[in-house]
Amino acid sequence: MKEIILASASPRRRRLLSRMGLEFRVVVSDADEARADKTVPPGIYVQELALLKAAAAAKKLEKRRGRLVISADTIVVGPDGEVLGKPKDKKHAFDMLRSLSGVTHKVYTGYCVMRLDDGKTVCESVCTEVTFRELSDERIERYIKTGEPMDKAGAYGIQKLGALLVDKINGDYFNVVGLPVGELAKTLEDEFGFRLI
C-alpha cells in the first residue's frame, strides 16, 4: 500500500491530486527556496524548487515502505525572460499584469516524486505558453480589486477570473493551474508502479 504525502499548501494542487483519484495527506514544506539556483534555465529551476520542497517534507517523515512525497512549484516567465513570482503588493501585481498584456509568456511547473524507503526520486518540468488579451489599466485594476492575483505566480489564476485575461494557451492547462496531472500520472505509472485507470 502506497502512502502519498503532498508537500504543498496549495489548495489548487490538492484539488488536482484528488481528481487523479489519489488519497493523500498534506505535509507543508518549509524549504528554503532561496537555495535554488536562479541562473539555470527555468525548467531546471522549477525542478530544483520542487526537489527542495520534497526533501524538506521528507525530513519530517519516517521512511516507511512505499511512502511517496509529491511536490511541485510553478513560475511564470515574462516575454523578456524575467521570472514573475507572487506579487508583493497591488502595485507589483499591476506591473506584472501590464507586462503580460497582449503578449505570450511561459508557465513552468516542476514536480518531484520521492520514494522515502529507497530514496528513488524523479523530477520533471512542463512548460505551457499563455497569451494574454490586450488589457486596459482599468481592467487590470478591477481584476486586482478581486484579490485573486495576490497569491499567484504572475499575478493571475487561470482557473478563476484570470481566465478572462487569456486569449489562448499552447500546452497543458493544468500545468498553468499548478500541477501537470498527465505528466505526473505518467511518472507515477512508469516509475513507481501505479495503475491510475
N, C-alpha and C. Protein backbone atom coordinates (compact mmCIF):
# COMPACT_ATOMS: atom_id res chain seq x y z
N MET A 1 0.85 -1.19 0.00
CA MET A 1 0.00 0.00 0.00
C MET A 1 0.88 1.25 0.00
N LYS A 2 0.70 2.09 -0.99
CA LYS A 2 1.49 3.30 -1.09
C LYS A 2 0.80 4.44 -0.35
N GLU A 3 1.55 5.12 0.49
CA GLU A 3 1.03 6.30 1.18
C GLU A 3 1.62 7.53 0.51
N ILE A 4 0.76 8.45 0.11
CA ILE A 4 1.20 9.64 -0.60
C ILE A 4 1.15 10.85 0.31
N ILE A 5 2.21 11.61 0.29
CA ILE A 5 2.31 12.87 1.01
C ILE A 5 2.43 13.98 -0.02
N LEU A 6 1.56 14.97 0.04
CA LEU A 6 1.68 16.14 -0.81
C LEU A 6 2.39 17.24 -0.03
N ALA A 7 3.55 17.64 -0.53
CA ALA A 7 4.35 18.67 0.15
C ALA A 7 4.00 20.04 -0.43
N SER A 8 2.74 20.43 -0.23
CA SER A 8 2.29 21.72 -0.77
C SER A 8 1.08 22.19 0.00
N ALA A 9 1.03 23.49 0.27
CA ALA A 9 -0.13 24.08 0.92
C ALA A 9 -1.17 24.55 -0.10
N SER A 10 -0.87 24.42 -1.38
CA SER A 10 -1.74 24.95 -2.44
C SER A 10 -3.07 24.20 -2.51
N PRO A 11 -4.19 24.91 -2.33
CA PRO A 11 -5.49 24.25 -2.49
C PRO A 11 -5.72 23.77 -3.91
N ARG A 12 -5.12 24.44 -4.89
CA ARG A 12 -5.28 24.03 -6.28
C ARG A 12 -4.61 22.67 -6.51
N ARG A 13 -3.42 22.49 -5.95
CA ARG A 13 -2.74 21.20 -6.12
C ARG A 13 -3.48 20.09 -5.38
N ARG A 14 -4.03 20.41 -4.23
CA ARG A 14 -4.82 19.39 -3.50
C ARG A 14 -6.01 18.93 -4.35
N ARG A 15 -6.71 19.89 -4.96
CA ARG A 15 -7.87 19.53 -5.79
C ARG A 15 -7.45 18.69 -6.99
N LEU A 16 -6.37 19.07 -7.64
CA LEU A 16 -5.94 18.32 -8.82
C LEU A 16 -5.49 16.91 -8.46
N LEU A 17 -4.77 16.76 -7.37
CA LEU A 17 -4.34 15.42 -6.95
C LEU A 17 -5.55 14.56 -6.58
N SER A 18 -6.55 15.15 -5.94
CA SER A 18 -7.78 14.42 -5.62
C SER A 18 -8.50 13.97 -6.88
N ARG A 19 -8.51 14.83 -7.90
CA ARG A 19 -9.18 14.49 -9.16
C ARG A 19 -8.48 13.35 -9.88
N MET A 20 -7.21 13.11 -9.56
CA MET A 20 -6.50 11.97 -10.13
C MET A 20 -6.90 10.67 -9.45
N GLY A 21 -7.75 10.75 -8.42
CA GLY A 21 -8.19 9.57 -7.70
C GLY A 21 -7.22 9.11 -6.64
N LEU A 22 -6.30 9.97 -6.24
CA LEU A 22 -5.29 9.60 -5.25
C LEU A 22 -5.69 10.05 -3.85
N GLU A 23 -5.46 9.20 -2.88
CA GLU A 23 -5.64 9.57 -1.49
C GLU A 23 -4.28 10.01 -0.95
N PHE A 24 -4.26 11.08 -0.19
CA PHE A 24 -3.00 11.64 0.28
C PHE A 24 -3.26 12.47 1.52
N ARG A 25 -2.17 12.82 2.19
CA ARG A 25 -2.24 13.81 3.24
C ARG A 25 -1.21 14.88 2.97
N VAL A 26 -1.41 16.04 3.56
CA VAL A 26 -0.55 17.18 3.29
C VAL A 26 0.46 17.36 4.42
N VAL A 27 1.72 17.52 4.04
CA VAL A 27 2.77 17.94 4.96
C VAL A 27 3.42 19.15 4.31
N VAL A 28 3.13 20.31 4.84
CA VAL A 28 3.62 21.53 4.22
C VAL A 28 5.13 21.63 4.37
N SER A 29 5.78 21.92 3.26
CA SER A 29 7.23 22.02 3.23
C SER A 29 7.68 23.38 3.74
N ASP A 30 8.79 23.37 4.47
CA ASP A 30 9.38 24.64 4.91
C ASP A 30 10.73 24.84 4.23
N ALA A 31 10.81 24.44 2.96
CA ALA A 31 12.06 24.52 2.21
C ALA A 31 12.53 25.96 2.06
N ASP A 32 13.82 26.13 2.08
CA ASP A 32 14.43 27.44 1.85
C ASP A 32 14.60 27.59 0.34
N GLU A 33 13.61 28.23 -0.32
CA GLU A 33 13.62 28.34 -1.77
C GLU A 33 14.74 29.23 -2.28
N ALA A 34 15.31 30.04 -1.42
CA ALA A 34 16.43 30.91 -1.83
C ALA A 34 17.67 30.09 -2.19
N ARG A 35 17.69 28.82 -1.79
CA ARG A 35 18.83 27.95 -2.11
C ARG A 35 18.85 27.54 -3.57
N ALA A 36 17.71 27.66 -4.26
CA ALA A 36 17.65 27.25 -5.67
C ALA A 36 18.44 28.23 -6.54
N ASP A 37 19.06 27.70 -7.57
CA ASP A 37 19.92 28.49 -8.46
C ASP A 37 19.08 29.15 -9.55
N LYS A 38 18.86 30.45 -9.45
CA LYS A 38 18.04 31.18 -10.41
C LYS A 38 18.74 31.40 -11.75
N THR A 39 20.02 31.05 -11.84
CA THR A 39 20.74 31.29 -13.09
C THR A 39 20.57 30.16 -14.10
N VAL A 40 19.99 29.03 -13.68
CA VAL A 40 19.78 27.91 -14.60
C VAL A 40 18.51 28.16 -15.42
N PRO A 41 18.30 27.42 -16.52
CA PRO A 41 17.07 27.59 -17.30
C PRO A 41 15.83 27.34 -16.44
N PRO A 42 14.70 28.01 -16.77
CA PRO A 42 13.50 27.91 -15.92
C PRO A 42 13.02 26.48 -15.66
N GLY A 43 13.11 25.61 -16.66
CA GLY A 43 12.65 24.23 -16.47
C GLY A 43 13.47 23.48 -15.43
N ILE A 44 14.76 23.81 -15.33
CA ILE A 44 15.62 23.22 -14.31
C ILE A 44 15.36 23.88 -12.95
N TYR A 45 15.19 25.19 -12.97
CA TYR A 45 14.94 25.95 -11.73
C TYR A 45 13.71 25.42 -11.00
N VAL A 46 12.60 25.19 -11.71
CA VAL A 46 11.39 24.71 -11.03
C VAL A 46 11.54 23.28 -10.53
N GLN A 47 12.34 22.48 -11.22
CA GLN A 47 12.61 21.13 -10.72
C GLN A 47 13.42 21.20 -9.42
N GLU A 48 14.37 22.12 -9.38
CA GLU A 48 15.17 22.27 -8.16
C GLU A 48 14.30 22.74 -7.00
N LEU A 49 13.39 23.68 -7.27
CA LEU A 49 12.46 24.13 -6.22
C LEU A 49 11.61 22.96 -5.71
N ALA A 50 11.08 22.16 -6.65
CA ALA A 50 10.26 21.01 -6.25
C ALA A 50 11.08 20.01 -5.44
N LEU A 51 12.33 19.78 -5.83
CA LEU A 51 13.19 18.85 -5.09
C LEU A 51 13.47 19.37 -3.68
N LEU A 52 13.73 20.66 -3.55
CA LEU A 52 13.95 21.24 -2.22
C LEU A 52 12.72 21.03 -1.33
N LYS A 53 11.52 21.23 -1.91
CA LYS A 53 10.28 21.04 -1.14
C LYS A 53 10.09 19.59 -0.74
N ALA A 54 10.34 18.67 -1.66
CA ALA A 54 10.18 17.24 -1.35
C ALA A 54 11.15 16.82 -0.25
N ALA A 55 12.41 17.27 -0.36
CA ALA A 55 13.42 16.90 0.63
C ALA A 55 13.08 17.46 2.00
N ALA A 56 12.59 18.71 2.05
CA ALA A 56 12.22 19.32 3.34
C ALA A 56 11.07 18.57 3.99
N ALA A 57 10.08 18.16 3.18
CA ALA A 57 8.96 17.39 3.72
C ALA A 57 9.43 16.01 4.18
N ALA A 58 10.32 15.40 3.40
CA ALA A 58 10.82 14.05 3.73
C ALA A 58 11.52 14.03 5.09
N LYS A 59 12.20 15.11 5.43
CA LYS A 59 12.90 15.18 6.72
C LYS A 59 11.94 15.10 7.90
N LYS A 60 10.68 15.42 7.67
CA LYS A 60 9.68 15.39 8.74
C LYS A 60 9.01 14.02 8.89
N LEU A 61 9.34 13.09 8.00
CA LEU A 61 8.60 11.82 7.91
C LEU A 61 9.49 10.62 8.16
N GLU A 62 8.89 9.53 8.65
CA GLU A 62 9.58 8.25 8.75
C GLU A 62 9.67 7.64 7.35
N LYS A 63 10.71 6.84 7.14
CA LYS A 63 10.91 6.23 5.83
C LYS A 63 10.16 4.90 5.75
N ARG A 64 8.84 4.98 5.78
CA ARG A 64 8.02 3.76 5.69
C ARG A 64 8.01 3.22 4.27
N ARG A 65 7.92 1.90 4.18
CA ARG A 65 7.90 1.24 2.87
C ARG A 65 6.76 1.79 2.01
N GLY A 66 7.09 2.19 0.79
CA GLY A 66 6.08 2.63 -0.17
C GLY A 66 5.64 4.07 -0.02
N ARG A 67 6.13 4.76 1.00
CA ARG A 67 5.69 6.15 1.20
C ARG A 67 6.33 7.06 0.15
N LEU A 68 5.48 7.87 -0.51
CA LEU A 68 5.92 8.79 -1.56
C LEU A 68 5.62 10.22 -1.17
N VAL A 69 6.54 11.11 -1.50
CA VAL A 69 6.31 12.55 -1.36
C VAL A 69 6.18 13.13 -2.77
N ILE A 70 5.13 13.91 -2.98
CA ILE A 70 4.94 14.63 -4.24
C ILE A 70 5.00 16.12 -3.93
N SER A 71 5.81 16.84 -4.70
CA SER A 71 5.91 18.28 -4.52
C SER A 71 5.90 18.95 -5.88
N ALA A 72 5.64 20.25 -5.90
CA ALA A 72 5.62 20.98 -7.16
C ALA A 72 5.86 22.46 -6.90
N ASP A 73 6.31 23.15 -7.93
CA ASP A 73 6.46 24.59 -7.87
C ASP A 73 6.22 25.16 -9.26
N THR A 74 5.54 26.30 -9.32
CA THR A 74 5.17 26.92 -10.58
C THR A 74 5.74 28.33 -10.65
N ILE A 75 6.29 28.67 -11.81
CA ILE A 75 6.73 30.04 -12.04
C ILE A 75 6.17 30.53 -13.38
N VAL A 76 6.07 31.83 -13.50
CA VAL A 76 5.70 32.47 -14.75
C VAL A 76 6.93 33.22 -15.25
N VAL A 77 7.24 33.04 -16.53
CA VAL A 77 8.38 33.73 -17.13
C VAL A 77 7.83 34.69 -18.17
N GLY A 78 8.07 35.99 -17.95
CA GLY A 78 7.59 37.01 -18.86
C GLY A 78 8.29 36.96 -20.20
N PRO A 79 7.78 37.73 -21.17
CA PRO A 79 8.35 37.70 -22.52
C PRO A 79 9.80 38.17 -22.57
N ASP A 80 10.25 38.90 -21.55
CA ASP A 80 11.64 39.36 -21.50
C ASP A 80 12.55 38.39 -20.73
N GLY A 81 11.99 37.25 -20.31
CA GLY A 81 12.75 36.25 -19.58
C GLY A 81 12.76 36.42 -18.08
N GLU A 82 12.08 37.46 -17.57
CA GLU A 82 12.04 37.69 -16.12
C GLU A 82 11.10 36.71 -15.45
N VAL A 83 11.56 36.12 -14.33
CA VAL A 83 10.71 35.22 -13.55
C VAL A 83 9.77 36.06 -12.71
N LEU A 84 8.47 35.82 -12.87
CA LEU A 84 7.45 36.55 -12.14
C LEU A 84 6.88 35.65 -11.05
N GLY A 85 7.24 35.95 -9.82
CA GLY A 85 6.71 35.18 -8.69
C GLY A 85 5.38 35.74 -8.24
N LYS A 86 5.07 35.56 -6.97
CA LYS A 86 3.85 36.13 -6.40
C LYS A 86 4.07 37.62 -6.15
N PRO A 87 3.07 38.45 -6.43
CA PRO A 87 3.26 39.90 -6.24
C PRO A 87 3.40 40.27 -4.77
N LYS A 88 4.26 41.27 -4.52
CA LYS A 88 4.48 41.75 -3.15
C LYS A 88 3.34 42.64 -2.66
N ASP A 89 2.73 43.36 -3.60
CA ASP A 89 1.65 44.28 -3.26
C ASP A 89 0.85 44.57 -4.54
N LYS A 90 -0.15 45.44 -4.43
CA LYS A 90 -1.04 45.71 -5.57
C LYS A 90 -0.30 46.37 -6.73
N LYS A 91 0.63 47.26 -6.41
CA LYS A 91 1.39 47.92 -7.49
C LYS A 91 2.24 46.90 -8.25
N HIS A 92 2.85 45.99 -7.50
CA HIS A 92 3.65 44.93 -8.13
C HIS A 92 2.77 44.06 -9.02
N ALA A 93 1.57 43.72 -8.54
CA ALA A 93 0.62 42.93 -9.33
C ALA A 93 0.25 43.68 -10.61
N PHE A 94 0.00 44.98 -10.48
CA PHE A 94 -0.36 45.79 -11.65
C PHE A 94 0.79 45.76 -12.66
N ASP A 95 2.01 45.96 -12.20
CA ASP A 95 3.16 45.99 -13.11
C ASP A 95 3.33 44.65 -13.82
N MET A 96 3.12 43.55 -13.10
CA MET A 96 3.23 42.23 -13.72
C MET A 96 2.18 42.06 -14.81
N LEU A 97 0.94 42.36 -14.48
CA LEU A 97 -0.14 42.17 -15.45
C LEU A 97 0.01 43.10 -16.65
N ARG A 98 0.48 44.30 -16.41
CA ARG A 98 0.75 45.24 -17.52
C ARG A 98 1.81 44.65 -18.45
N SER A 99 2.85 44.01 -17.87
CA SER A 99 3.93 43.44 -18.69
C SER A 99 3.46 42.23 -19.51
N LEU A 100 2.38 41.58 -19.05
CA LEU A 100 1.86 40.40 -19.76
C LEU A 100 0.78 40.75 -20.77
N SER A 101 0.27 41.97 -20.73
CA SER A 101 -0.82 42.39 -21.60
C SER A 101 -0.47 42.23 -23.09
N GLY A 102 -1.28 41.46 -23.80
CA GLY A 102 -1.14 41.32 -25.24
C GLY A 102 0.04 40.51 -25.71
N VAL A 103 0.72 39.83 -24.81
CA VAL A 103 1.90 39.07 -25.22
C VAL A 103 1.81 37.61 -24.73
N THR A 104 2.72 36.81 -25.25
CA THR A 104 2.81 35.40 -24.85
C THR A 104 3.91 35.25 -23.81
N HIS A 105 3.58 34.54 -22.74
CA HIS A 105 4.56 34.22 -21.71
C HIS A 105 4.55 32.73 -21.46
N LYS A 106 5.46 32.26 -20.63
CA LYS A 106 5.58 30.83 -20.36
C LYS A 106 5.33 30.53 -18.88
N VAL A 107 4.62 29.44 -18.64
CA VAL A 107 4.39 28.97 -17.28
C VAL A 107 5.08 27.61 -17.15
N TYR A 108 5.97 27.53 -16.17
CA TYR A 108 6.70 26.29 -15.90
C TYR A 108 6.25 25.73 -14.56
N THR A 109 5.97 24.45 -14.52
CA THR A 109 5.78 23.75 -13.26
C THR A 109 6.77 22.60 -13.19
N GLY A 110 7.53 22.59 -12.11
CA GLY A 110 8.39 21.46 -11.83
C GLY A 110 7.73 20.61 -10.77
N TYR A 111 7.81 19.30 -10.93
CA TYR A 111 7.28 18.41 -9.89
C TYR A 111 8.32 17.35 -9.56
N CYS A 112 8.17 16.81 -8.38
CA CYS A 112 9.12 15.82 -7.89
C CYS A 112 8.34 14.72 -7.16
N VAL A 113 8.70 13.48 -7.44
CA VAL A 113 8.16 12.33 -6.71
C VAL A 113 9.34 11.63 -6.05
N MET A 114 9.26 11.48 -4.73
CA MET A 114 10.37 10.90 -3.96
C MET A 114 9.85 9.73 -3.13
N ARG A 115 10.44 8.54 -3.33
CA ARG A 115 10.08 7.38 -2.52
C ARG A 115 11.04 7.34 -1.34
N LEU A 116 10.49 7.35 -0.14
CA LEU A 116 11.32 7.55 1.03
C LEU A 116 12.14 6.33 1.44
N ASP A 117 11.63 5.11 1.21
CA ASP A 117 12.36 3.96 1.74
C ASP A 117 13.67 3.70 1.01
N ASP A 118 13.73 4.01 -0.29
CA ASP A 118 14.99 3.79 -1.02
C ASP A 118 15.56 5.06 -1.65
N GLY A 119 14.86 6.17 -1.49
CA GLY A 119 15.37 7.45 -1.99
C GLY A 119 15.17 7.69 -3.47
N LYS A 120 14.49 6.76 -4.17
CA LYS A 120 14.27 6.98 -5.61
C LYS A 120 13.52 8.30 -5.81
N THR A 121 14.04 9.14 -6.68
CA THR A 121 13.48 10.47 -6.90
C THR A 121 13.43 10.76 -8.40
N VAL A 122 12.27 11.21 -8.86
CA VAL A 122 12.11 11.61 -10.25
C VAL A 122 11.54 13.03 -10.26
N CYS A 123 12.25 13.94 -10.93
CA CYS A 123 11.81 15.33 -11.07
C CYS A 123 11.67 15.64 -12.56
N GLU A 124 10.63 16.34 -12.91
CA GLU A 124 10.37 16.74 -14.30
C GLU A 124 9.80 18.15 -14.29
N SER A 125 9.76 18.75 -15.47
CA SER A 125 9.09 20.04 -15.60
C SER A 125 8.29 20.08 -16.89
N VAL A 126 7.27 20.92 -16.90
CA VAL A 126 6.39 21.10 -18.05
C VAL A 126 6.26 22.59 -18.30
N CYS A 127 6.24 22.96 -19.57
CA CYS A 127 6.10 24.37 -19.96
C CYS A 127 4.85 24.55 -20.81
N THR A 128 4.07 25.57 -20.50
CA THR A 128 2.87 25.93 -21.27
C THR A 128 2.98 27.40 -21.66
N GLU A 129 2.67 27.70 -22.91
CA GLU A 129 2.64 29.09 -23.36
C GLU A 129 1.24 29.66 -23.18
N VAL A 130 1.17 30.85 -22.62
CA VAL A 130 -0.10 31.53 -22.38
C VAL A 130 -0.04 32.91 -23.04
N THR A 131 -1.05 33.23 -23.83
CA THR A 131 -1.13 34.54 -24.47
C THR A 131 -2.28 35.32 -23.86
N PHE A 132 -1.98 36.51 -23.37
CA PHE A 132 -2.99 37.39 -22.78
C PHE A 132 -3.63 38.27 -23.86
N ARG A 133 -4.87 38.66 -23.60
CA ARG A 133 -5.52 39.71 -24.39
C ARG A 133 -4.84 41.04 -24.07
N GLU A 134 -5.10 42.04 -24.89
CA GLU A 134 -4.69 43.41 -24.55
C GLU A 134 -5.53 43.85 -23.36
N LEU A 135 -4.87 44.30 -22.29
CA LEU A 135 -5.57 44.67 -21.06
C LEU A 135 -5.47 46.16 -20.83
N SER A 136 -6.62 46.80 -20.61
CA SER A 136 -6.60 48.21 -20.23
C SER A 136 -6.19 48.33 -18.77
N ASP A 137 -5.68 49.50 -18.39
CA ASP A 137 -5.33 49.74 -16.99
C ASP A 137 -6.55 49.53 -16.09
N GLU A 138 -7.71 49.94 -16.58
CA GLU A 138 -8.94 49.80 -15.79
C GLU A 138 -9.27 48.33 -15.53
N ARG A 139 -9.13 47.52 -16.56
CA ARG A 139 -9.41 46.09 -16.39
C ARG A 139 -8.43 45.46 -15.41
N ILE A 140 -7.16 45.81 -15.53
CA ILE A 140 -6.15 45.29 -14.60
C ILE A 140 -6.50 45.69 -13.17
N GLU A 141 -6.87 46.94 -12.96
CA GLU A 141 -7.21 47.42 -11.62
C GLU A 141 -8.45 46.71 -11.07
N ARG A 142 -9.43 46.47 -11.93
CA ARG A 142 -10.64 45.75 -11.48
C ARG A 142 -10.28 44.32 -11.07
N TYR A 143 -9.41 43.68 -11.84
CA TYR A 143 -9.00 42.32 -11.50
C TYR A 143 -8.24 42.30 -10.18
N ILE A 144 -7.36 43.24 -9.98
CA ILE A 144 -6.60 43.30 -8.73
C ILE A 144 -7.53 43.49 -7.54
N LYS A 145 -8.59 44.27 -7.72
CA LYS A 145 -9.55 44.51 -6.63
C LYS A 145 -10.26 43.24 -6.18
N THR A 146 -10.30 42.22 -7.04
CA THR A 146 -10.92 40.95 -6.63
C THR A 146 -10.06 40.23 -5.59
N GLY A 147 -8.79 40.59 -5.49
CA GLY A 147 -7.87 39.92 -4.57
C GLY A 147 -7.24 38.66 -5.13
N GLU A 148 -7.74 38.19 -6.25
CA GLU A 148 -7.27 36.92 -6.82
C GLU A 148 -5.78 36.90 -7.18
N PRO A 149 -5.22 37.99 -7.69
CA PRO A 149 -3.82 37.92 -8.13
C PRO A 149 -2.78 37.79 -7.02
N MET A 150 -3.15 38.10 -5.79
CA MET A 150 -2.14 38.36 -4.77
C MET A 150 -1.36 37.13 -4.29
N ASP A 151 -1.87 35.92 -4.48
CA ASP A 151 -1.13 34.75 -4.01
C ASP A 151 -0.74 33.82 -5.15
N LYS A 152 -0.62 34.39 -6.36
CA LYS A 152 -0.35 33.54 -7.52
C LYS A 152 0.84 34.05 -8.33
N ALA A 153 1.66 33.13 -8.78
CA ALA A 153 2.78 33.49 -9.65
C ALA A 153 2.25 34.20 -10.89
N GLY A 154 2.90 35.30 -11.24
CA GLY A 154 2.47 36.06 -12.41
C GLY A 154 1.26 36.92 -12.16
N ALA A 155 0.71 36.88 -10.95
CA ALA A 155 -0.42 37.71 -10.53
C ALA A 155 -1.73 37.36 -11.22
N TYR A 156 -1.89 36.08 -11.60
CA TYR A 156 -3.20 35.67 -12.12
C TYR A 156 -3.42 34.19 -11.87
N GLY A 157 -4.70 33.82 -11.81
CA GLY A 157 -5.09 32.43 -11.68
C GLY A 157 -5.99 32.05 -12.84
N ILE A 158 -5.52 31.18 -13.72
CA ILE A 158 -6.27 30.83 -14.93
C ILE A 158 -7.54 30.05 -14.63
N GLN A 159 -7.60 29.43 -13.44
CA GLN A 159 -8.75 28.60 -13.10
C GLN A 159 -9.95 29.41 -12.61
N LYS A 160 -9.78 30.71 -12.41
CA LYS A 160 -10.89 31.56 -11.94
C LYS A 160 -11.03 32.75 -12.87
N LEU A 161 -11.17 33.95 -12.31
CA LEU A 161 -11.38 35.14 -13.12
C LEU A 161 -10.21 35.46 -14.04
N GLY A 162 -9.03 35.00 -13.70
CA GLY A 162 -7.88 35.21 -14.56
C GLY A 162 -8.06 34.62 -15.94
N ALA A 163 -8.94 33.64 -16.09
CA ALA A 163 -9.23 33.06 -17.41
C ALA A 163 -9.74 34.14 -18.38
N LEU A 164 -10.37 35.18 -17.85
CA LEU A 164 -10.91 36.24 -18.70
C LEU A 164 -9.82 37.12 -19.30
N LEU A 165 -8.60 37.00 -18.81
CA LEU A 165 -7.47 37.76 -19.34
C LEU A 165 -6.77 37.04 -20.48
N VAL A 166 -7.08 35.75 -20.62
CA VAL A 166 -6.32 34.87 -21.52
C VAL A 166 -6.97 34.81 -22.90
N ASP A 167 -6.14 34.97 -23.92
CA ASP A 167 -6.59 34.80 -25.30
C ASP A 167 -6.48 33.35 -25.73
N LYS A 168 -5.33 32.73 -25.44
CA LYS A 168 -5.15 31.32 -25.81
C LYS A 168 -4.00 30.72 -25.02
N ILE A 169 -3.97 29.39 -24.97
CA ILE A 169 -2.84 28.69 -24.37
C ILE A 169 -2.36 27.62 -25.34
N ASN A 170 -1.08 27.33 -25.24
CA ASN A 170 -0.48 26.27 -26.04
C ASN A 170 0.21 25.32 -25.08
N GLY A 171 -0.45 24.20 -24.81
CA GLY A 171 0.11 23.23 -23.88
C GLY A 171 -0.90 22.81 -22.83
N ASP A 172 -0.40 22.35 -21.71
CA ASP A 172 -1.20 21.74 -20.65
C ASP A 172 -1.85 22.81 -19.75
N TYR A 173 -3.18 22.87 -19.80
CA TYR A 173 -3.92 23.82 -18.96
C TYR A 173 -3.64 23.58 -17.48
N PHE A 174 -3.63 22.32 -17.06
CA PHE A 174 -3.45 22.01 -15.64
C PHE A 174 -2.06 22.42 -15.14
N ASN A 175 -1.09 22.45 -16.05
CA ASN A 175 0.22 22.94 -15.70
C ASN A 175 0.15 24.40 -15.25
N VAL A 176 -0.69 25.19 -15.92
CA VAL A 176 -0.86 26.61 -15.57
C VAL A 176 -1.57 26.74 -14.22
N VAL A 177 -2.47 25.83 -13.93
CA VAL A 177 -3.15 25.82 -12.63
C VAL A 177 -2.16 25.48 -11.51
N GLY A 178 -1.15 24.64 -11.82
CA GLY A 178 -0.14 24.36 -10.81
C GLY A 178 0.31 22.92 -10.69
N LEU A 179 -0.26 22.00 -11.51
CA LEU A 179 0.17 20.61 -11.44
C LEU A 179 -0.15 19.93 -12.77
N PRO A 180 0.87 19.56 -13.54
CA PRO A 180 0.62 18.89 -14.83
C PRO A 180 0.21 17.44 -14.61
N VAL A 181 -1.07 17.22 -14.44
CA VAL A 181 -1.56 15.92 -13.98
C VAL A 181 -1.25 14.78 -14.95
N GLY A 182 -1.27 15.05 -16.25
CA GLY A 182 -0.97 14.00 -17.22
C GLY A 182 0.45 13.51 -17.09
N GLU A 183 1.40 14.43 -17.00
CA GLU A 183 2.81 14.06 -16.86
C GLU A 183 3.08 13.42 -15.50
N LEU A 184 2.45 13.95 -14.45
CA LEU A 184 2.62 13.35 -13.12
C LEU A 184 2.08 11.92 -13.12
N ALA A 185 0.93 11.70 -13.74
CA ALA A 185 0.36 10.35 -13.81
C ALA A 185 1.32 9.40 -14.54
N LYS A 186 1.91 9.89 -15.63
CA LYS A 186 2.86 9.06 -16.38
C LYS A 186 4.07 8.69 -15.51
N THR A 187 4.58 9.65 -14.75
CA THR A 187 5.70 9.37 -13.84
C THR A 187 5.30 8.34 -12.79
N LEU A 188 4.13 8.52 -12.18
CA LEU A 188 3.68 7.58 -11.15
C LEU A 188 3.51 6.17 -11.71
N GLU A 189 2.99 6.07 -12.93
CA GLU A 189 2.77 4.76 -13.54
C GLU A 189 4.08 4.13 -14.01
N ASP A 190 4.89 4.90 -14.74
CA ASP A 190 6.10 4.34 -15.35
C ASP A 190 7.22 4.10 -14.34
N GLU A 191 7.32 4.97 -13.35
CA GLU A 191 8.47 4.91 -12.43
C GLU A 191 8.15 4.31 -11.06
N PHE A 192 6.86 4.37 -10.65
CA PHE A 192 6.52 3.96 -9.28
C PHE A 192 5.42 2.91 -9.21
N GLY A 193 5.05 2.33 -10.35
CA GLY A 193 4.15 1.17 -10.37
C GLY A 193 2.68 1.45 -10.10
N PHE A 194 2.22 2.68 -10.26
CA PHE A 194 0.80 2.99 -10.06
C PHE A 194 -0.01 2.53 -11.26
N ARG A 195 -1.27 2.22 -11.03
CA ARG A 195 -2.25 1.98 -12.09
C ARG A 195 -3.43 2.88 -11.77
N LEU A 196 -3.45 4.05 -12.41
CA LEU A 196 -4.45 5.06 -12.04
C LEU A 196 -5.80 4.82 -12.70
N ILE A 197 -5.82 4.39 -13.96
CA ILE A 197 -7.08 4.00 -14.61
C ILE A 197 -6.82 2.78 -15.48
